[in-house]
Amino acid sequence: MNAPALAALTTLALACGCGEGLCQKAHRIGTRLNNKGAACVTGSTPVEISLCEQTSKKCTQADVDGINRTLDCYEKLGECTPANQQKWISDLRDCQDKLHPGSSVCLAM
């Protein structure tokens, strides 16, 4: 995974225990996203659910909504191949844009 996308996914995944089951969802989707992107990019470390739950206490409902939109978008991404790598990375970045503007406070580690 390219560095900005990997960093954003890792930060998002580690920080998003904002609602019941959200950290588990981030873990599941993050693992799948690593598999989907494996042909094109280096994956990230799976979400550590307990750390995710600890770091999520600053999240507002707007943050939770944005995180859910981002995770749902990640889940819809197809497989990355060398032939579609640029579009896949662009689509990944589009998913990251679904975060609530204030989520950076919630996601700060």
C-alpha atoms as a PDB file:
ATOM      1  CA  MET A   1       0.000   0.000   0.000  1.00  0.00           C
ATOM      2  CA  ASN A   2       1.414   3.443  -0.732  1.00  0.00           C
ATOM      3  CA  ALA A   3       2.641   5.253   2.357  1.00  0.00           C
ATOM      4  CA  PRO A   4      -0.133   7.881   2.707  1.00  0.00           C
ATOM      5  CA  ALA A   5      -2.895   5.342   2.202  1.00  0.00           C
ATOM      6  CA  LEU A   6      -1.281   2.862   4.580  1.00  0.00           C
ATOM      7  CA  ALA A   7      -0.779   5.500   7.248  1.00  0.00           C
ATOM      8  CA  ALA A   8      -4.357   6.712   6.964  1.00  0.00           C
ATOM      9  CA  LEU A   9      -5.783   3.208   7.115  1.00  0.00           C
ATOM     10  CA  THR A  10      -3.628   2.250  10.082  1.00  0.00           C
ATOM     11  CA  THR A  11      -4.492   5.439  11.979  1.00  0.00           C
ATOM     12  CA  LEU A  12      -8.166   5.059  11.162  1.00  0.00           C
ATOM     13  CA  ALA A  13      -8.240   1.432  12.115  1.00  0.00           C
ATOM     14  CA  LEU A  14      -6.337   1.847  15.373  1.00  0.00           C
ATOM     15  CA  ALA A  15      -8.426   4.743  16.549  1.00  0.00           C
ATOM     16  CA  CYS A  16     -11.943   3.791  15.674  1.00  0.00           C
ATOM     17  CA  GLY A  17     -13.561   2.044  18.553  1.00  0.00           C
ATOM     18  CA  CYS A  18     -16.103   4.820  18.651  1.00  0.00           C
ATOM     19  CA  GLY A  19     -19.158   2.627  18.786  1.00  0.00           C
ATOM     20  CA  GLU A  20     -19.997  -0.906  19.719  1.00  0.00           C
ATOM     21  CA  GLY A  21     -18.394  -3.291  17.276  1.00  0.00           C
ATOM     22  CA  LEU A  22     -16.588  -0.579  15.335  1.00  0.00           C
ATOM     23  CA  CYS A  23     -13.101  -1.822  16.278  1.00  0.00           C
ATOM     24  CA  GLN A  24     -14.059  -5.342  15.277  1.00  0.00           C
ATOM     25  CA  LYS A  25     -15.392  -3.957  12.003  1.00  0.00           C
ATOM     26  CA  ALA A  26     -12.161  -2.024  11.443  1.00  0.00           C
ATOM     27  CA  HIS A  27     -10.152  -5.170  12.130  1.00  0.00           C
ATOM     28  CA  ARG A  28     -12.192  -7.240   9.698  1.00  0.00           C
ATOM     29  CA  ILE A  29     -12.233  -4.659   6.931  1.00  0.00           C
ATOM     30  CA  GLY A  30      -8.573  -3.765   7.422  1.00  0.00           C
ATOM     31  CA  THR A  31      -7.600  -7.412   7.064  1.00  0.00           C
ATOM     32  CA  ARG A  32      -9.684  -7.745   3.906  1.00  0.00           C
ATOM     33  CA  LEU A  33      -8.273  -4.501   2.521  1.00  0.00           C
ATOM     34  CA  ASN A  34      -4.745  -5.823   3.012  1.00  0.00           C
ATOM     35  CA  ASN A  35      -5.705  -8.905   1.012  1.00  0.00           C
ATOM     36  CA  LYS A  36      -7.399  -6.864  -1.717  1.00  0.00           C
ATOM     37  CA  GLY A  37      -4.372  -4.630  -2.115  1.00  0.00           C
ATOM     38  CA  ALA A  38      -1.709  -7.313  -1.789  1.00  0.00           C
ATOM     39  CA  ALA A  39      -0.844  -7.405  -5.505  1.00  0.00           C
ATOM     40  CA  CYS A  40      -0.105  -3.678  -5.573  1.00  0.00           C
ATOM     41  CA  VAL A  41       0.926  -2.398  -2.177  1.00  0.00           C
ATOM     42  CA  THR A  42       2.401  -3.426   1.162  1.00  0.00           C
ATOM     43  CA  GLY A  43      -0.231  -4.163   3.789  1.00  0.00           C
ATOM     44  CA  SER A  44      -0.547  -2.807   7.297  1.00  0.00           C
ATOM     45  CA  THR A  45      -0.660  -4.444  10.701  1.00  0.00           C
ATOM     46  CA  PRO A  46      -4.156  -5.653  11.618  1.00  0.00           C
ATOM     47  CA  VAL A  47      -6.098  -3.526  14.071  1.00  0.00           C
ATOM     48  CA  GLU A  48      -5.391  -4.366  17.694  1.00  0.00           C
ATOM     49  CA  ILE A  49      -8.929  -4.263  19.016  1.00  0.00           C
ATOM     50  CA  SER A  50      -8.091  -3.448  22.652  1.00  0.00           C
ATOM     51  CA  LEU A  51      -5.855  -0.536  21.625  1.00  0.00           C
ATOM     52  CA  CYS A  52      -8.513   0.644  19.200  1.00  0.00           C
ATOM     53  CA  GLU A  53     -11.101   0.677  21.968  1.00  0.00           C
ATOM     54  CA  GLN A  54      -8.780   2.650  24.269  1.00  0.00           C
ATOM     55  CA  THR A  55      -7.912   5.303  21.698  1.00  0.00           C
ATOM     56  CA  SER A  56     -11.480   5.892  20.569  1.00  0.00           C
ATOM     57  CA  LYS A  57     -12.776   7.765  23.585  1.00  0.00           C
ATOM     58  CA  LYS A  58     -12.410  11.168  21.889  1.00  0.00           C
ATOM     59  CA  CYS A  59     -14.706  10.250  18.995  1.00  0.00           C
ATOM     60  CA  THR A  60     -17.945  12.154  18.508  1.00  0.00           C
ATOM     61  CA  GLN A  61     -20.999  10.741  16.741  1.00  0.00           C
ATOM     62  CA  ALA A  62     -19.959  12.700  13.630  1.00  0.00           C
ATOM     63  CA  ASP A  63     -16.552  10.993  13.836  1.00  0.00           C
ATOM     64  CA  VAL A  64     -18.202   7.593  14.161  1.00  0.00           C
ATOM     65  CA  ASP A  65     -20.410   8.297  11.163  1.00  0.00           C
ATOM     66  CA  GLY A  66     -17.416   9.361   9.061  1.00  0.00           C
ATOM     67  CA  ILE A  67     -15.380   6.357  10.140  1.00  0.00           C
ATOM     68  CA  ASN A  68     -18.254   4.039   9.266  1.00  0.00           C
ATOM     69  CA  ARG A  69     -18.608   5.681   5.832  1.00  0.00           C
ATOM     70  CA  THR A  70     -14.879   5.225   5.257  1.00  0.00           C
ATOM     71  CA  LEU A  71     -14.880   1.595   6.395  1.00  0.00           C
ATOM     72  CA  ASP A  72     -17.941   0.840   4.258  1.00  0.00           C
ATOM     73  CA  CYS A  73     -16.186   2.390   1.279  1.00  0.00           C
ATOM     74  CA  TYR A  74     -13.038   0.320   1.937  1.00  0.00           C
ATOM     75  CA  GLU A  75     -15.183  -2.785   2.084  1.00  0.00           C
ATOM     76  CA  LYS A  76     -16.593  -2.060  -1.386  1.00  0.00           C
ATOM     77  CA  LEU A  77     -13.172  -1.765  -3.021  1.00  0.00           C
ATOM     78  CA  GLY A  78     -12.339  -4.561  -5.422  1.00  0.00           C
ATOM     79  CA  GLU A  79      -9.045  -6.372  -5.836  1.00  0.00           C
ATOM     80  CA  CYS A  80      -6.034  -4.289  -6.776  1.00  0.00           C
ATOM     81  CA  THR A  81      -4.057  -5.561  -9.744  1.00  0.00           C
ATOM     82  CA  PRO A  82      -1.053  -4.058 -11.491  1.00  0.00           C
ATOM     83  CA  ALA A  83      -3.442  -3.082 -14.313  1.00  0.00           C
ATOM     84  CA  ASN A  84      -5.819  -1.094 -12.050  1.00  0.00           C
ATOM     85  CA  GLN A  85      -3.362   0.025  -9.376  1.00  0.00           C
ATOM     86  CA  GLN A  86      -3.610   3.775 -10.004  1.00  0.00           C
ATOM     87  CA  LYS A  87      -7.425   3.738 -10.020  1.00  0.00           C
ATOM     88  CA  TRP A  88      -7.530   1.487  -6.954  1.00  0.00           C
ATOM     89  CA  ILE A  89      -5.273   3.855  -5.011  1.00  0.00           C
ATOM     90  CA  SER A  90      -7.386   6.797  -6.171  1.00  0.00           C
ATOM     91  CA  ASP A  91     -10.531   4.983  -4.999  1.00  0.00           C
ATOM     92  CA  LEU A  92      -8.828   4.256  -1.670  1.00  0.00           C
ATOM     93  CA  ARG A  93      -8.107   7.963  -1.230  1.00  0.00           C
ATOM     94  CA  ASP A  94     -11.718   8.768  -2.119  1.00  0.00           C
ATOM     95  CA  CYS A  95     -12.752   6.489   0.747  1.00  0.00           C
ATOM     96  CA  GLN A  96     -10.475   8.393   3.121  1.00  0.00           C
ATOM     97  CA  ASP A  97     -12.215  11.619   2.102  1.00  0.00           C
ATOM     98  CA  LYS A  98     -15.434  10.298   3.667  1.00  0.00           C
ATOM     99  CA  LEU A  99     -14.101  10.949   7.174  1.00  0.00           C
ATOM    100  CA  HIS A 100     -15.747  13.730   9.163  1.00  0.00           C
ATOM    101  CA  PRO A 101     -13.508  16.845   9.064  1.00  0.00           C
ATOM    102  CA  GLY A 102     -13.086  16.755  12.853  1.00  0.00           C
ATOM    103  CA  SER A 103     -12.075  13.105  12.929  1.00  0.00           C
ATOM    104  CA  SER A 104      -8.390  13.984  13.047  1.00  0.00           C
ATOM    105  CA  VAL A 105      -8.839  14.900  16.735  1.00  0.00           C
ATOM    106  CA  CYS A 106     -10.565  11.587  17.381  1.00  0.00           C
ATOM    107  CA  LEU A 107      -7.936   9.714  15.405  1.00  0.00           C
ATOM    108  CA  ALA A 108      -4.910  11.319  17.044  1.00  0.00           C
ATOM    109  CA  MET A 109      -2.814   8.706  18.741  1.00  0.00           C
END
